Amino acid sequence: MTRTRRWRVAASLVAVVASLAALVALPVNAGAASVTRIPFTGLRFACSGTDGQVSVSGDKILHIRNATNHSLWVTSSPYLNGFADNVVDANIDLATDIGEARIQESLKPTTYNGTWESVVQLRITPHGAEAEGVGHGTGELTGLTIRWAKTGNYEVAPGVNPCGDSRFGPTFAGEILVPASA
């Protein structure tokens, strides 16, 4: 290989290495849209519900299918204050009081034309229940995402339940994610 050709190859390699170094130096989220996070806290009042199909298998597992409940969310954000309708499927080991439930939730805020369509995972233990939900907005809420988690066991709600006799409800906290384009 001639001396000139070696210089050209070396120059090409330097250019390739410099290009790769520039790519590696870019932030991982370069070009990603910024997101505003709106934190919230809330309480869910139980309004009404149905048992759905309930059975107990031979191994003492309680199976619940298509149970429903209607609840009122009272939160620190107008994006979320309103009524939710849920469909619940659950399996609970009656010997250990341990189980899981999957909940499809549709929350209709009173001040926005749209809904939050969410999936909630509920873990049941002898000491209480843990829940986490993730949902996406429709209508005026399109493009927004909600994430929340239950923050305590069922507690006596302050004041009077505006939609039922039950005074117990879970407290929760989370955030609404608003992309810059929304």
Protein backbone atom coordinates (compact mmCIF):
# COMPACT_ATOMS: atom_id res chain seq x y z
CA MET A 1 0.00 0.00 0.00
CA THR A 2 1.37 3.37 -0.92
CA ARG A 3 1.98 6.10 1.57
CA THR A 4 -0.82 8.27 0.08
CA ARG A 5 -3.30 5.44 0.20
CA ARG A 6 -2.41 4.74 3.88
CA TRP A 7 -3.07 8.40 4.68
CA ARG A 8 -6.48 8.26 2.95
CA VAL A 9 -7.41 5.06 4.84
CA ALA A 10 -6.23 6.63 8.11
CA ALA A 11 -8.16 9.83 7.38
CA SER A 12 -11.30 7.79 6.61
CA LEU A 13 -10.91 5.82 9.84
CA VAL A 14 -10.50 9.05 11.82
CA ALA A 15 -13.66 10.43 10.21
CA VAL A 16 -15.61 7.25 11.04
CA VAL A 17 -14.35 7.23 14.65
CA ALA A 18 -15.19 10.94 15.03
CA SER A 19 -18.72 10.30 13.68
CA LEU A 20 -19.23 7.40 16.08
CA ALA A 21 -17.93 9.47 18.98
CA ALA A 22 -20.40 12.24 18.10
CA LEU A 23 -23.28 9.74 18.06
CA VAL A 24 -22.27 8.25 21.41
CA ALA A 25 -22.06 11.74 22.93
CA LEU A 26 -25.70 12.52 22.09
CA PRO A 27 -28.11 12.30 25.03
CA VAL A 28 -30.17 9.12 25.09
CA ASN A 29 -33.41 11.08 24.80
CA ALA A 30 -32.28 13.47 22.10
CA GLY A 31 -35.27 14.51 20.08
CA ALA A 32 -37.74 13.15 22.67
CA ALA A 33 -40.62 15.47 23.47
CA SER A 34 -40.61 17.05 26.91
CA VAL A 35 -43.30 15.96 29.35
CA THR A 36 -45.03 17.97 32.06
CA ARG A 37 -45.92 15.99 35.18
CA ILE A 38 -48.98 17.01 37.19
CA PRO A 39 -48.97 15.29 40.59
CA PHE A 40 -52.26 14.49 42.31
CA THR A 41 -53.73 12.82 45.39
CA GLY A 42 -57.21 11.49 45.81
CA LEU A 43 -59.81 9.34 47.46
CA ARG A 44 -62.22 6.91 45.82
CA PHE A 45 -65.73 6.68 47.27
CA ALA A 46 -67.57 3.40 46.63
CA CYS A 47 -71.03 4.01 45.13
CA SER A 48 -72.45 0.67 43.96
CA GLY A 49 -71.46 -2.68 42.51
CA THR A 50 -72.35 -6.23 41.48
CA ASP A 51 -70.72 -9.53 42.44
CA GLY A 52 -70.33 -10.92 38.92
CA GLN A 53 -69.80 -14.66 38.47
CA VAL A 54 -68.32 -16.14 41.65
CA SER A 55 -67.06 -19.71 42.09
CA VAL A 56 -64.67 -21.64 44.30
CA SER A 57 -62.53 -24.34 42.70
CA GLY A 58 -61.59 -27.63 44.38
CA ASP A 59 -58.26 -26.19 45.45
CA LYS A 60 -60.07 -23.43 47.41
CA ILE A 61 -59.38 -20.62 44.93
CA LEU A 62 -62.09 -17.98 44.77
CA HIS A 63 -62.67 -16.94 41.16
CA ILE A 64 -64.52 -13.70 40.43
CA ARG A 65 -65.38 -12.73 36.85
CA ASN A 66 -67.02 -9.59 35.53
CA ALA A 67 -67.80 -8.05 38.91
CA THR A 68 -68.55 -4.36 38.53
CA ASN A 69 -68.37 -1.28 40.68
CA HIS A 70 -69.20 2.37 40.27
CA SER A 71 -67.17 4.89 42.26
CA LEU A 72 -66.55 8.60 42.67
CA TRP A 73 -63.00 9.95 42.45
CA VAL A 74 -62.36 13.11 44.47
CA THR A 75 -58.83 14.36 43.74
CA SER A 76 -56.59 17.40 43.78
CA SER A 77 -56.91 17.66 39.96
CA PRO A 78 -59.97 18.62 37.87
CA TYR A 79 -58.63 16.22 35.22
CA LEU A 80 -59.70 13.32 37.45
CA ASN A 81 -62.73 14.35 39.52
CA GLY A 82 -65.65 12.25 38.38
CA PHE A 83 -67.24 8.81 38.24
CA ALA A 84 -65.49 5.56 37.34
CA ASP A 85 -66.97 2.27 36.18
CA ASN A 86 -64.89 -0.85 36.72
CA VAL A 87 -65.00 -4.47 35.58
CA VAL A 88 -63.07 -6.80 37.90
CA ASP A 89 -61.63 -10.30 37.43
CA ALA A 90 -59.90 -11.82 40.47
CA ASN A 91 -58.44 -15.03 41.86
CA ILE A 92 -57.92 -15.31 45.62
CA ASP A 93 -56.49 -18.29 47.50
CA LEU A 94 -58.89 -18.73 50.43
CA ALA A 95 -56.29 -20.67 52.44
CA THR A 96 -53.72 -17.85 52.35
CA ASP A 97 -55.87 -14.78 51.56
CA ILE A 98 -53.42 -13.97 48.76
CA GLY A 99 -54.63 -13.10 45.30
CA GLU A 100 -54.63 -10.82 42.33
CA ALA A 101 -57.24 -8.82 40.49
CA ARG A 102 -57.21 -7.14 37.10
CA ILE A 103 -59.52 -4.18 36.72
CA GLN A 104 -60.60 -2.40 33.53
CA GLU A 105 -61.55 1.13 34.53
CA SER A 106 -63.26 3.95 32.67
CA LEU A 107 -63.24 7.30 34.53
CA LYS A 108 -65.35 10.20 33.23
CA PRO A 109 -64.20 13.56 34.65
CA THR A 110 -67.01 16.04 35.29
CA THR A 111 -65.19 19.03 33.72
CA TYR A 112 -63.64 17.43 30.60
CA ASN A 113 -65.22 15.81 27.56
CA GLY A 114 -63.35 12.52 27.53
CA THR A 115 -62.46 9.53 29.66
CA TRP A 116 -59.48 7.86 31.27
CA GLU A 117 -59.28 4.23 30.09
CA SER A 118 -57.10 2.39 32.56
CA VAL A 119 -55.88 -1.03 33.61
CA VAL A 120 -55.42 -1.57 37.34
CA GLN A 121 -53.41 -4.39 38.91
CA LEU A 122 -54.46 -5.23 42.47
CA ARG A 123 -52.42 -7.51 44.75
CA ILE A 124 -54.32 -8.89 47.73
CA THR A 125 -52.54 -10.00 50.90
CA PRO A 126 -53.70 -10.84 54.43
CA HIS A 127 -52.44 -7.36 55.43
CA GLY A 128 -54.33 -5.37 52.81
CA ALA A 129 -54.16 -4.64 49.12
CA GLU A 130 -51.74 -2.86 46.82
CA ALA A 131 -52.93 -1.34 43.57
CA GLU A 132 -51.34 0.41 40.61
CA GLY A 133 -53.09 1.86 37.60
CA VAL A 134 -52.05 3.19 34.20
CA GLY A 135 -54.39 4.79 31.72
CA HIS A 136 -54.71 6.92 28.62
CA GLY A 137 -57.07 9.77 27.89
CA THR A 138 -59.74 9.97 25.22
CA GLY A 139 -61.60 12.98 23.83
CA GLU A 140 -60.22 16.22 25.30
CA LEU A 141 -57.76 14.08 27.30
CA THR A 142 -56.24 12.39 24.23
CA GLY A 143 -52.45 12.28 24.44
CA LEU A 144 -52.40 12.38 28.25
CA THR A 145 -51.36 9.46 30.45
CA ILE A 146 -52.20 8.78 34.09
CA ARG A 147 -50.19 6.67 36.56
CA TRP A 148 -51.20 6.14 40.15
CA ALA A 149 -50.84 3.83 43.14
CA LYS A 150 -52.90 3.19 46.24
CA THR A 151 -51.20 4.88 49.20
CA GLY A 152 -52.90 3.24 52.18
CA ASN A 153 -55.42 0.66 53.23
CA TYR A 154 -59.10 1.39 52.98
CA GLU A 155 -59.81 4.27 55.33
CA VAL A 156 -62.83 6.08 56.60
CA ALA A 157 -63.35 8.87 54.10
CA PRO A 158 -63.62 12.38 55.49
CA GLY A 159 -67.12 13.82 55.24
CA VAL A 160 -70.13 12.11 53.78
CA ASN A 161 -69.95 9.77 50.79
CA PRO A 162 -71.93 11.68 48.13
CA CYS A 163 -72.94 8.54 46.23
CA GLY A 164 -73.50 5.70 48.70
CA ASP A 165 -73.58 4.44 52.25
CA SER A 166 -69.98 3.22 52.41
CA ARG A 167 -67.60 5.55 54.22
CA PHE A 168 -64.53 3.50 53.31
CA GLY A 169 -62.30 4.17 50.35
CA PRO A 170 -58.69 3.91 49.27
CA THR A 171 -56.42 6.93 49.11
CA PHE A 172 -54.09 7.16 46.14
CA ALA A 173 -51.47 9.39 44.56
CA GLY A 174 -49.98 9.65 41.12
CA GLU A 175 -49.23 11.87 38.18
CA ILE A 176 -50.69 12.94 34.88
CA LEU A 177 -48.15 13.02 32.05
CA VAL A 178 -48.74 15.79 29.51
CA PRO A 179 -46.50 15.70 26.43
CA ALA A 180 -45.35 19.05 25.04
CA SER A 181 -47.49 18.46 21.94
CA ALA A 182 -50.74 18.13 23.94
